[in-house]
Amino acid sequence: MSFSVSADDPSFCVREANQTVSNTLVFRDGRLEPLPSSAPRSLRDAVVLFVRSAFLPEGYPHSVSEDYLEYQVWDSLQAMCSSVTGVLSTQALLIGFGVGNSGASAATATVQWLVRDGTGMIGRILFAYLRGTELDCNAKRWRFVADILNDLALGTDLLAPLVPGAFLPMLCVSSLLKACVGVAGGATRAAITVHQAVQHNTADVQAKDGSQETAVGLFGLLFGLIIAPVVTENWLSLWLCFFAATAMHLYCNYRAVSCCVFDVLNQQRARLVLRDFLSASRKTSWSPNAASSVRRRDRSPVASRLRSRSPAKEAAPAKPEVAAAIIPELLHPREVAGLEGILVEPSGIVELGSRAADLPSDRNGLQKLLADFDNLPYLIQEDRRDFFKSVVRVWLKEGCTAPDVLRAFVHAELFASSGQATGGFVHWGLELSNHVLGAGALLDASKRDSINDLLKKATVWMDLNWPALVAALTKSGWKTDRHLLGCTEWRLSVGTY
């Protein structure tokens, strides 16, 4: 970009601006100096500039996601409530350790403190081993769970001095809970920070979040110092204050995680969007056969209900399969954020990234499975070896990419939902399988298909409609080049030895 004014022009000036301040510099006596109107302004302006620089990322609001401000407000309020309860629990712990008791032993208190810390260290390692891979995929859920565990730990600290005989065991339980909080809270906060840093300014967003939490924590500590002497000798007042602060803490946390709008699909979000895609296409009485005939007329296999705010228009011919197609507008990430459950455990029966040991053990079964999925980067099969639980296993082939994993998950979900009518699954409901396999196809027991037939029909549906689904996801604001589906890193390859 070139400037249209030369520095030799008598009226030449240089202007600079950020989100709050603008300055103008001109030549005076051969030197570039600021105009008087650009000199430092009032104390109020200086304070505003300091607050923005100290507590908000550079370039705010354009450098962060749209949900940044709402999340930070609720997160700051919860941090203040947590500081208040932290003061009360710390006071209770000091009483339990013998502070103020002339008969207490410093050696005993030291041993108790070391045992408490050691228990927490072991807890951190175990929790990261058991749950570490889930924290990215379900960041909102584990962020809220971490705060529940934190409140339970603080409550345990308050109870511990009331039970002197079990003080050390309760101290260890509290330390274990806080260890889980440290791992889950830190990891999920990092995931949320990456989501908020839309200009790859993760370090800046993280640093400013730390400043916000520190400032709010100071106010919480001051408030805690004010109320602590008041409730010290009155256990009823102490517990009332603790429960009030805890209730406010959990409410603010729930509001904070609820407003996070992720545009990357995890299992819960993928199911919601897939159901919406099928609902849109079902309204047109669309079936695989009808879709094929529509494609021969160069029209979309997914005629849809377009939002009233978006007129129907031709999709960009990114792929031959969806050229000149009317792509449906699916649920937007913000709409899905209002529908997904915070404490909902992923309830699917699809296992992404199964191990080679779970492959069919007989040669004929394995050869058939490999032949059926010869042109796809994954394998899918139902596993009924456990009488009480059926699993749809997905083996990912070597070289499988993130979009391939997303396709494998959708394929397996369709198969799992249709297979429920055979007695092997309890999953979404018949509306999904009826759409894929034809209305009423599974309602008549005499017409039930075999598991292999169901899988073949799901494969046909995927071949016909996967390009349109990807285009619809992209149009609605979802990222399809990455996922949070929670698959393992195991990949299969076949050869000789």
Protein backbone atom coordinates (compact mmCIF):
# COMPACT_ATOMS: atom_id res chain seq x y z
CA MET A 1 0.00 0.00 0.00
CA SER A 2 1.48 3.36 -1.03
CA PHE A 3 0.81 6.78 0.51
CA SER A 4 -0.55 9.50 -1.77
CA VAL A 5 1.05 12.45 0.08
CA SER A 6 4.74 13.26 -0.02
CA ALA A 7 6.69 14.24 3.09
CA ASP A 8 7.72 17.40 1.24
CA ASP A 9 4.15 18.71 1.31
CA PRO A 10 3.79 21.58 3.85
CA SER A 11 0.54 20.10 5.13
CA PHE A 12 2.06 16.64 5.55
CA CYS A 13 1.05 14.80 8.75
CA VAL A 14 1.13 11.30 10.19
CA ARG A 15 -1.85 9.89 12.02
CA GLU A 16 -1.93 6.86 14.25
CA ALA A 17 -4.89 5.29 16.02
CA ASN A 18 -5.91 2.30 18.06
CA GLN A 19 -9.25 1.37 19.56
CA THR A 20 -9.27 4.28 22.03
CA VAL A 21 -6.69 6.95 21.09
CA SER A 22 -5.67 8.75 17.92
CA ASN A 23 -2.62 11.00 17.48
CA THR A 24 -1.52 13.39 14.75
CA LEU A 25 2.14 14.31 14.17
CA VAL A 26 3.41 17.18 11.96
CA PHE A 27 6.79 18.68 11.10
CA ARG A 28 7.86 21.57 13.36
CA ASP A 29 11.33 23.02 12.87
CA GLY A 30 12.28 20.00 10.83
CA ARG A 31 11.20 17.51 13.48
CA LEU A 32 8.11 15.31 13.57
CA GLU A 33 6.14 16.29 16.70
CA PRO A 34 2.60 15.64 17.98
CA LEU A 35 -0.01 18.36 17.65
CA PRO A 36 -1.14 19.90 20.96
CA SER A 37 -4.55 18.26 20.54
CA SER A 38 -2.77 14.90 20.41
CA ALA A 39 -0.95 15.41 23.69
CA PRO A 40 -1.81 13.23 26.69
CA ARG A 41 -5.40 13.79 27.68
CA SER A 42 -7.17 13.87 31.02
CA LEU A 43 -6.58 11.51 33.92
CA ARG A 44 -9.80 9.72 33.00
CA ASP A 45 -8.53 9.01 29.50
CA ALA A 46 -5.23 7.77 30.90
CA VAL A 47 -7.05 5.41 33.29
CA VAL A 48 -9.26 4.05 30.50
CA LEU A 49 -6.21 3.47 28.34
CA PHE A 50 -4.41 1.68 31.17
CA VAL A 51 -7.40 -0.56 31.92
CA ARG A 52 -7.74 -1.53 28.26
CA SER A 53 -4.04 -2.23 27.93
CA ALA A 54 -3.79 -4.18 31.19
CA PHE A 55 -6.98 -6.24 31.06
CA LEU A 56 -8.05 -6.57 27.42
CA PRO A 57 -6.15 -8.26 24.57
CA GLU A 58 -4.49 -6.03 21.99
CA GLY A 59 -6.95 -5.23 19.21
CA TYR A 60 -10.07 -5.98 21.28
CA PRO A 61 -12.82 -6.64 20.20
CA HIS A 62 -11.59 -7.68 16.74
CA SER A 63 -8.84 -9.95 18.05
CA VAL A 64 -11.15 -12.19 20.08
CA SER A 65 -14.26 -14.28 19.48
CA GLU A 66 -17.76 -12.80 19.74
CA ASP A 67 -18.48 -14.60 23.01
CA TYR A 68 -15.33 -13.24 24.72
CA LEU A 69 -16.84 -10.37 26.73
CA GLU A 70 -19.87 -12.31 27.98
CA TYR A 71 -17.70 -15.23 29.05
CA GLN A 72 -15.15 -13.03 30.81
CA VAL A 73 -17.82 -11.17 32.78
CA TRP A 74 -19.31 -14.38 34.18
CA ASP A 75 -15.88 -15.92 34.66
CA SER A 76 -14.72 -12.89 36.66
CA LEU A 77 -17.80 -13.04 38.89
CA GLN A 78 -17.23 -16.73 39.61
CA ALA A 79 -13.58 -16.03 40.43
CA MET A 80 -14.66 -13.46 43.02
CA CYS A 81 -17.08 -15.94 44.64
CA SER A 82 -14.36 -18.59 44.65
CA SER A 83 -11.98 -16.18 46.40
CA VAL A 84 -14.51 -15.60 49.18
CA THR A 85 -15.06 -19.31 49.80
CA GLY A 86 -11.29 -19.82 49.56
CA VAL A 87 -10.74 -17.41 52.45
CA LEU A 88 -13.28 -19.24 54.60
CA SER A 89 -11.78 -22.68 53.85
CA THR A 90 -8.24 -21.46 54.48
CA GLN A 91 -9.29 -20.14 57.87
CA ALA A 92 -10.86 -23.51 58.73
CA LEU A 93 -7.69 -25.36 57.64
CA LEU A 94 -5.48 -23.18 59.83
CA ILE A 95 -7.71 -23.95 62.78
CA GLY A 96 -7.43 -27.65 61.97
CA PHE A 97 -3.64 -27.44 61.77
CA GLY A 98 -3.60 -25.99 65.28
CA VAL A 99 -3.03 -22.29 64.70
CA GLY A 100 -3.92 -20.57 67.96
CA ASN A 101 -3.74 -23.85 69.92
CA SER A 102 -0.83 -23.87 72.37
CA GLY A 103 -0.88 -27.68 72.47
CA ALA A 104 -0.47 -28.10 68.70
CA SER A 105 2.79 -29.50 67.34
CA ALA A 106 4.59 -27.86 64.42
CA ALA A 107 6.02 -31.25 63.41
CA THR A 108 2.55 -32.80 63.24
CA ALA A 109 1.23 -29.93 61.16
CA THR A 110 4.22 -30.23 58.80
CA VAL A 111 3.64 -33.96 58.28
CA GLN A 112 -0.06 -33.38 57.64
CA TRP A 113 0.74 -30.66 55.12
CA LEU A 114 3.26 -32.83 53.28
CA VAL A 115 0.87 -35.81 53.13
CA ARG A 116 -1.81 -33.49 51.78
CA ASP A 117 0.48 -32.13 49.06
CA GLY A 118 1.78 -35.58 48.13
CA THR A 119 -1.76 -36.90 47.75
CA GLY A 120 -2.58 -34.02 45.44
CA MET A 121 0.47 -34.68 43.25
CA ILE A 122 -0.49 -38.32 42.81
CA GLY A 123 -4.06 -37.26 42.06
CA ARG A 124 -2.92 -34.92 39.30
CA ILE A 125 -1.02 -37.68 37.52
CA LEU A 126 -3.87 -40.19 37.82
CA PHE A 127 -6.54 -37.75 36.66
CA ALA A 128 -4.50 -36.67 33.64
CA TYR A 129 -3.97 -40.35 32.77
CA LEU A 130 -7.64 -41.28 33.12
CA ARG A 131 -9.40 -38.22 31.69
CA GLY A 132 -6.81 -36.13 29.87
CA THR A 133 -8.02 -36.96 26.35
CA GLU A 134 -11.62 -35.96 27.15
CA LEU A 135 -10.84 -32.41 28.24
CA ASP A 136 -10.45 -30.99 24.73
CA CYS A 137 -13.49 -32.77 23.34
CA ASN A 138 -15.85 -31.69 26.13
CA ALA A 139 -14.26 -28.49 27.40
CA LYS A 140 -17.53 -26.90 28.51
CA ARG A 141 -18.58 -29.95 30.50
CA TRP A 142 -15.25 -30.45 32.25
CA ARG A 143 -14.89 -26.74 32.95
CA PHE A 144 -18.14 -26.83 34.90
CA VAL A 145 -17.30 -30.17 36.54
CA ALA A 146 -13.97 -28.72 37.70
CA ASP A 147 -15.78 -25.91 39.50
CA ILE A 148 -18.19 -28.35 41.16
CA LEU A 149 -15.22 -30.38 42.39
CA ASN A 150 -13.57 -27.18 43.61
CA ASP A 151 -16.61 -26.31 45.72
CA LEU A 152 -16.71 -29.85 47.11
CA ALA A 153 -13.03 -29.55 48.05
CA LEU A 154 -13.60 -26.23 49.84
CA GLY A 155 -16.60 -27.69 51.66
CA THR A 156 -14.45 -30.62 52.78
CA ASP A 157 -11.87 -28.17 54.12
CA LEU A 158 -14.58 -26.46 56.17
CA LEU A 159 -15.80 -29.77 57.57
CA ALA A 160 -12.36 -31.16 58.42
CA PRO A 161 -11.78 -29.19 61.69
CA LEU A 162 -15.16 -30.38 62.97
CA VAL A 163 -13.97 -34.00 62.79
CA PRO A 164 -10.52 -33.99 64.45
CA GLY A 165 -10.19 -37.78 64.26
CA ALA A 166 -10.59 -37.74 60.47
CA PHE A 167 -8.83 -34.47 59.79
CA LEU A 168 -5.96 -35.95 57.76
CA PRO A 169 -8.12 -38.27 55.60
CA MET A 170 -10.49 -35.41 54.84
CA LEU A 171 -7.50 -33.24 54.03
CA CYS A 172 -6.31 -35.86 51.53
CA VAL A 173 -9.76 -36.09 49.94
CA SER A 174 -9.82 -32.33 49.53
CA SER A 175 -6.34 -32.40 48.01
CA LEU A 176 -7.39 -35.07 45.50
CA LEU A 177 -10.39 -33.00 44.46
CA LYS A 178 -8.24 -29.90 44.06
CA ALA A 179 -5.79 -31.90 41.97
CA CYS A 180 -8.59 -32.82 39.58
CA VAL A 181 -9.66 -29.18 39.55
CA GLY A 182 -6.14 -28.07 38.67
CA VAL A 183 -5.83 -30.43 35.72
CA ALA A 184 -9.37 -30.09 34.36
CA GLY A 185 -9.67 -26.37 34.99
CA GLY A 186 -6.29 -25.52 33.52
CA ALA A 187 -6.70 -27.71 30.44
CA THR A 188 -10.23 -26.55 29.63
CA ARG A 189 -9.31 -22.91 30.19
CA ALA A 190 -6.51 -23.37 27.67
CA ALA A 191 -8.99 -24.85 25.18
CA ILE A 192 -11.35 -21.91 25.68
CA THR A 193 -8.46 -19.46 25.27
CA VAL A 194 -7.50 -21.04 21.93
CA HIS A 195 -11.13 -20.67 20.85
CA GLN A 196 -11.21 -17.01 21.89
CA ALA A 197 -7.89 -16.09 20.22
CA VAL A 198 -9.17 -15.64 16.67
CA GLN A 199 -5.98 -13.89 15.55
CA HIS A 200 -3.69 -16.58 17.00
CA ASN A 201 -2.98 -14.28 19.96
CA THR A 202 -3.34 -17.06 22.50
CA ALA A 203 -0.58 -15.85 24.80
CA ASP A 204 -2.02 -12.31 24.97
CA VAL A 205 -5.55 -13.57 25.68
CA GLN A 206 -4.21 -15.93 28.34
CA ALA A 207 -2.13 -13.19 29.97
CA LYS A 208 -5.01 -10.71 30.08
CA ASP A 209 -7.32 -13.38 31.49
CA GLY A 210 -4.78 -13.91 34.26
CA SER A 211 -4.76 -10.16 34.96
CA GLN A 212 -8.56 -10.06 35.10
CA GLU A 213 -8.73 -13.03 37.44
CA THR A 214 -6.02 -11.59 39.69
CA ALA A 215 -7.76 -8.22 39.97
CA VAL A 216 -11.12 -9.81 40.70
CA GLY A 217 -9.47 -12.21 43.14
CA LEU A 218 -8.07 -9.25 45.06
CA PHE A 219 -11.56 -7.83 45.52
CA GLY A 220 -12.74 -11.28 46.62
CA LEU A 221 -9.91 -11.53 49.16
CA LEU A 222 -10.72 -8.09 50.56
CA PHE A 223 -14.37 -9.05 50.94
CA GLY A 224 -13.34 -12.34 52.53
CA LEU A 225 -11.09 -10.54 55.00
CA ILE A 226 -14.02 -8.33 55.99
CA ILE A 227 -16.46 -11.17 56.63
CA ALA A 228 -14.00 -13.74 58.04
CA PRO A 229 -13.72 -12.16 61.52
CA VAL A 230 -17.49 -11.78 61.66
CA VAL A 231 -18.26 -15.46 61.01
CA THR A 232 -15.26 -17.04 62.77
CA GLU A 233 -17.04 -17.80 66.03
CA ASN A 234 -20.43 -18.47 64.47
CA TRP A 235 -20.50 -21.71 62.46
CA LEU A 236 -24.07 -21.12 61.31
CA SER A 237 -23.15 -17.76 59.78
CA LEU A 238 -20.02 -19.29 58.24
CA TRP A 239 -21.95 -22.07 56.51
CA LEU A 240 -24.68 -19.69 55.34
CA CYS A 241 -22.03 -17.45 53.82
CA PHE A 242 -20.28 -20.44 52.24
CA PHE A 243 -23.45 -21.85 50.67
CA ALA A 244 -24.50 -18.44 49.34
CA ALA A 245 -21.10 -17.83 47.75
CA THR A 246 -21.02 -21.40 46.38
CA ALA A 247 -24.48 -21.09 44.82
CA MET A 248 -23.46 -17.83 43.16
CA HIS A 249 -20.18 -19.43 42.05
CA LEU A 250 -21.91 -22.34 40.34
CA TYR A 251 -24.50 -20.11 38.70
CA CYS A 252 -21.86 -17.80 37.25
CA ASN A 253 -19.87 -20.79 36.03
CA TYR A 254 -22.88 -22.28 34.32
CA ARG A 255 -23.62 -19.00 32.58
CA ALA A 256 -19.98 -18.67 31.56
CA VAL A 257 -19.65 -22.07 29.89
CA SER A 258 -23.14 -21.84 28.38
CA CYS A 259 -22.23 -18.74 26.41
CA CYS A 260 -19.16 -20.35 24.80
CA VAL A 261 -19.82 -20.87 21.09
CA PHE A 262 -17.51 -23.51 19.61
CA ASP A 263 -17.47 -23.92 15.84
CA VAL A 264 -15.69 -27.29 15.92
CA LEU A 265 -17.82 -30.43 16.17
CA ASN A 266 -17.60 -32.82 19.09
CA GLN A 267 -19.86 -35.86 19.34
CA GLN A 268 -22.79 -34.06 20.97
CA ARG A 269 -22.70 -31.11 18.57
CA ALA A 270 -22.28 -33.43 15.57
CA ARG A 271 -25.41 -35.36 16.54
CA LEU A 272 -27.45 -32.17 16.89
CA VAL A 273 -26.34 -30.85 13.51
CA LEU A 274 -26.81 -34.21 11.77
CA ARG A 275 -30.32 -34.50 13.15
CA ASP A 276 -31.06 -30.99 11.84
CA PHE A 277 -29.70 -31.92 8.41
CA LEU A 278 -31.94 -34.98 8.24
CA SER A 279 -34.92 -33.04 9.52
CA ALA A 280 -34.45 -30.45 6.78
CA SER A 281 -34.25 -33.06 4.03
CA ARG A 282 -37.08 -35.22 5.43
CA LYS A 283 -39.52 -32.34 4.92
CA THR A 284 -39.11 -32.84 1.18
CA SER A 285 -39.95 -36.60 1.35
CA TRP A 286 -36.44 -37.25 0.13
CA SER A 287 -35.04 -40.80 -0.04
CA PRO A 288 -31.81 -42.25 -1.50
CA ASN A 289 -33.59 -43.27 -4.71
CA ALA A 290 -35.26 -39.88 -5.02
CA ALA A 291 -31.94 -38.22 -4.36
CA SER A 292 -30.37 -40.12 -7.25
CA SER A 293 -33.08 -38.98 -9.65
CA VAL A 294 -32.80 -35.41 -8.42
CA ARG A 295 -29.03 -35.51 -9.00
CA ARG A 296 -29.61 -36.67 -12.57
CA ARG A 297 -31.63 -33.47 -13.02
CA ASP A 298 -28.64 -31.54 -11.60
CA ARG A 299 -30.51 -30.55 -8.46
CA SER A 300 -29.64 -30.94 -4.81
CA PRO A 301 -30.38 -34.19 -2.95
CA VAL A 302 -31.10 -32.05 0.06
CA ALA A 303 -33.85 -29.56 -0.64
CA SER A 304 -34.16 -27.73 2.64
CA ARG A 305 -35.83 -25.21 4.72
CA LEU A 306 -33.75 -22.12 4.26
CA ARG A 307 -33.87 -19.51 6.99
CA SER A 308 -36.22 -16.67 6.19
CA ARG A 309 -33.30 -14.29 6.61
CA SER A 310 -31.32 -16.02 3.80
CA PRO A 311 -32.83 -16.19 0.28
CA ALA A 312 -32.26 -19.35 -1.72
CA LYS A 313 -29.22 -19.14 -3.90
CA GLU A 314 -26.85 -21.33 -5.83
CA ALA A 315 -23.99 -22.90 -3.88
CA ALA A 316 -20.42 -22.33 -4.97
CA PRO A 317 -19.36 -25.21 -7.23
CA ALA A 318 -16.55 -26.31 -4.92
CA LYS A 319 -17.27 -29.96 -5.66
CA PRO A 320 -18.92 -31.56 -8.69
CA GLU A 321 -21.36 -33.47 -6.50
CA VAL A 322 -22.93 -30.30 -5.10
CA ALA A 323 -22.58 -27.93 -8.04
CA ALA A 324 -25.77 -25.95 -8.68
CA ALA A 325 -27.23 -27.33 -5.46
CA ILE A 326 -29.38 -25.56 -2.94
CA ILE A 327 -27.42 -26.16 0.24
CA PRO A 328 -29.43 -26.19 3.48
CA GLU A 329 -28.56 -23.78 6.26
CA LEU A 330 -28.13 -25.88 9.37
CA LEU A 331 -28.05 -24.94 13.02
CA HIS A 332 -25.47 -22.22 13.57
CA PRO A 333 -22.80 -22.79 16.26
CA ARG A 334 -24.53 -20.21 18.48
CA GLU A 335 -27.84 -22.08 18.15
CA VAL A 336 -26.18 -25.38 18.98
CA ALA A 337 -24.51 -23.77 22.02
CA GLY A 338 -27.99 -23.13 23.42
CA LEU A 339 -29.04 -26.75 22.83
CA GLU A 340 -26.08 -28.80 24.01
CA GLY A 341 -26.14 -30.05 27.58
CA ILE A 342 -23.37 -28.92 29.91
CA LEU A 343 -23.30 -31.98 32.17
CA VAL A 344 -24.35 -34.46 29.49
CA GLU A 345 -22.01 -37.43 29.16
CA PRO A 346 -21.53 -38.41 25.48
CA SER A 347 -24.06 -41.22 25.22
CA GLY A 348 -23.23 -42.71 21.82
CA ILE A 349 -22.14 -46.25 21.19
CA VAL A 350 -19.64 -45.38 18.46
CA GLU A 351 -16.00 -46.10 19.25
CA LEU A 352 -13.64 -44.09 17.04
CA GLY A 353 -10.18 -45.51 16.54
CA SER A 354 -10.69 -49.12 17.61
CA ARG A 355 -7.71 -51.45 18.03
CA ALA A 356 -6.66 -54.22 15.64
CA ALA A 357 -7.42 -56.79 18.33
CA ASP A 358 -11.12 -55.92 17.95
CA LEU A 359 -11.20 -56.87 14.25
CA PRO A 360 -13.13 -60.01 13.23
CA SER A 361 -11.04 -62.99 14.26
CA ASP A 362 -12.09 -65.23 11.36
CA ARG A 363 -10.41 -64.83 7.96
CA ASN A 364 -13.65 -64.70 5.92
CA GLY A 365 -15.21 -62.04 8.15
CA LEU A 366 -12.10 -59.88 8.01
CA GLN A 367 -11.80 -60.20 4.21
CA LYS A 368 -15.45 -59.19 3.78
CA LEU A 369 -15.02 -56.17 6.06
CA LEU A 370 -11.93 -55.02 4.15
CA ALA A 371 -13.71 -55.51 0.80
CA ASP A 372 -16.82 -53.59 1.89
CA PHE A 373 -14.75 -50.55 2.86
CA ASP A 374 -12.00 -50.88 0.28
CA ASN A 375 -12.59 -47.36 -1.11
CA LEU A 376 -13.09 -45.64 2.25
CA PRO A 377 -10.44 -44.52 4.77
CA TYR A 378 -12.10 -46.43 7.60
CA LEU A 379 -13.87 -49.68 8.56
CA ILE A 380 -17.18 -49.96 10.44
CA GLN A 381 -18.73 -52.99 12.08
CA GLU A 382 -21.05 -53.81 14.95
CA ASP A 383 -19.48 -55.68 17.86
CA ARG A 384 -21.85 -57.81 19.97
CA ARG A 385 -19.25 -59.81 21.84
CA ASP A 386 -20.48 -58.23 25.05
CA PHE A 387 -23.99 -59.58 25.73
CA PHE A 388 -25.05 -56.48 27.65
CA LYS A 389 -23.54 -53.87 25.33
CA SER A 390 -23.36 -53.44 21.57
CA VAL A 391 -20.67 -51.19 20.12
CA VAL A 392 -20.22 -49.78 16.64
CA ARG A 393 -16.49 -49.95 16.11
CA VAL A 394 -14.69 -47.67 13.68
CA TRP A 395 -11.16 -48.58 12.61
CA LEU A 396 -9.30 -45.69 11.01
CA LYS A 397 -6.87 -46.50 8.20
CA GLU A 398 -3.37 -45.11 7.98
CA GLY A 399 -3.43 -41.66 6.39
CA CYS A 400 -6.94 -40.90 7.62
CA THR A 401 -7.42 -37.12 7.83
CA ALA A 402 -9.63 -35.01 10.11
CA PRO A 403 -12.44 -34.73 7.49
CA ASP A 404 -12.22 -38.51 7.05
CA VAL A 405 -12.70 -39.00 10.79
CA LEU A 406 -15.74 -36.72 10.71
CA ARG A 407 -17.21 -38.72 7.84
CA ALA A 408 -16.52 -41.99 9.66
CA PHE A 409 -18.33 -40.73 12.75
CA VAL A 410 -21.42 -39.63 10.79
CA HIS A 411 -21.45 -42.94 8.90
CA ALA A 412 -21.22 -44.93 12.14
CA GLU A 413 -23.94 -42.82 13.80
CA LEU A 414 -26.34 -43.45 10.92
CA PHE A 415 -25.65 -47.17 11.10
CA ALA A 416 -26.03 -47.24 14.88
CA SER A 417 -29.36 -45.43 14.79
CA SER A 418 -30.79 -47.73 12.13
CA GLY A 419 -29.51 -50.84 13.86
CA GLN A 420 -31.53 -50.15 17.00
CA ALA A 421 -34.62 -51.62 15.34
CA THR A 422 -32.92 -55.01 15.14
CA GLY A 423 -32.62 -55.14 18.90
CA GLY A 424 -28.91 -54.41 19.02
CA PHE A 425 -29.04 -50.74 19.97
CA VAL A 426 -30.84 -48.20 22.08
CA HIS A 427 -30.00 -44.89 20.44
CA TRP A 428 -31.59 -41.85 18.81
CA GLY A 429 -35.07 -42.95 17.82
CA LEU A 430 -36.71 -44.28 14.68
CA GLU A 431 -37.08 -40.94 12.90
CA LEU A 432 -33.42 -41.03 11.93
CA SER A 433 -33.30 -44.61 10.69
CA ASN A 434 -36.64 -44.23 8.87
CA HIS A 435 -35.23 -41.31 6.95
CA VAL A 436 -32.07 -43.09 5.90
CA LEU A 437 -33.63 -46.44 5.06
CA GLY A 438 -37.07 -45.34 3.92
CA ALA A 439 -40.16 -44.45 5.93
CA GLY A 440 -41.65 -47.44 7.70
CA ALA A 441 -38.92 -49.81 6.57
CA LEU A 442 -38.08 -50.83 10.10
CA LEU A 443 -41.49 -50.63 11.72
CA ASP A 444 -42.67 -53.97 10.35
CA ALA A 445 -40.85 -56.86 12.06
CA SER A 446 -41.20 -59.03 8.96
CA LYS A 447 -39.22 -56.48 6.90
CA ARG A 448 -36.31 -56.00 9.21
CA ASP A 449 -33.00 -56.02 7.40
CA SER A 450 -29.89 -57.81 8.49
CA ILE A 451 -27.09 -55.86 10.10
CA ASN A 452 -25.07 -56.04 6.87
CA ASP A 453 -27.99 -54.68 4.83
CA LEU A 454 -28.41 -51.79 7.24
CA LEU A 455 -24.74 -50.94 6.98
CA LYS A 456 -24.88 -51.06 3.17
CA LYS A 457 -27.86 -48.70 3.12
CA ALA A 458 -26.08 -46.28 5.44
CA THR A 459 -23.06 -46.45 3.10
CA VAL A 460 -25.27 -45.64 0.07
CA TRP A 461 -26.73 -42.68 1.93
CA MET A 462 -23.26 -41.39 2.79
CA ASP A 463 -22.06 -41.70 -0.83
CA LEU A 464 -25.05 -39.70 -2.04
CA ASN A 465 -25.19 -36.98 0.55
CA TRP A 466 -21.83 -36.50 2.27
CA PRO A 467 -20.67 -33.70 -0.10
CA ALA A 468 -23.93 -31.82 0.49
CA LEU A 469 -23.60 -32.25 4.26
CA VAL A 470 -20.04 -30.89 4.24
CA ALA A 471 -21.15 -27.91 2.14
CA ALA A 472 -24.05 -27.27 4.53
CA LEU A 473 -21.75 -27.43 7.56
CA THR A 474 -19.36 -24.94 5.98
CA LYS A 475 -22.19 -22.62 5.00
CA SER A 476 -23.54 -22.64 8.56
CA GLY A 477 -20.20 -21.66 10.09
CA TRP A 478 -18.78 -25.04 11.14
CA LYS A 479 -15.16 -26.03 10.63
CA THR A 480 -14.80 -29.37 8.88
CA ASP A 481 -11.01 -29.45 8.63
CA ARG A 482 -10.69 -30.37 12.32
CA HIS A 483 -12.80 -32.08 14.95
CA LEU A 484 -13.16 -32.79 18.67
CA LEU A 485 -14.72 -36.24 18.33
CA GLY A 486 -12.37 -37.92 20.76
CA CYS A 487 -10.88 -40.60 18.53
CA THR A 488 -7.74 -42.48 19.46
CA GLU A 489 -4.51 -42.21 17.48
CA TRP A 490 -4.49 -45.88 16.40
CA ARG A 491 -4.43 -46.32 12.60
CA LEU A 492 -4.63 -49.55 10.59
CA SER A 493 -2.63 -50.73 7.63
CA VAL A 494 -2.65 -54.12 5.90
CA GLY A 495 0.38 -55.81 4.43
CA THR A 496 2.61 -58.86 4.65
CA TYR A 497 5.28 -59.79 7.14
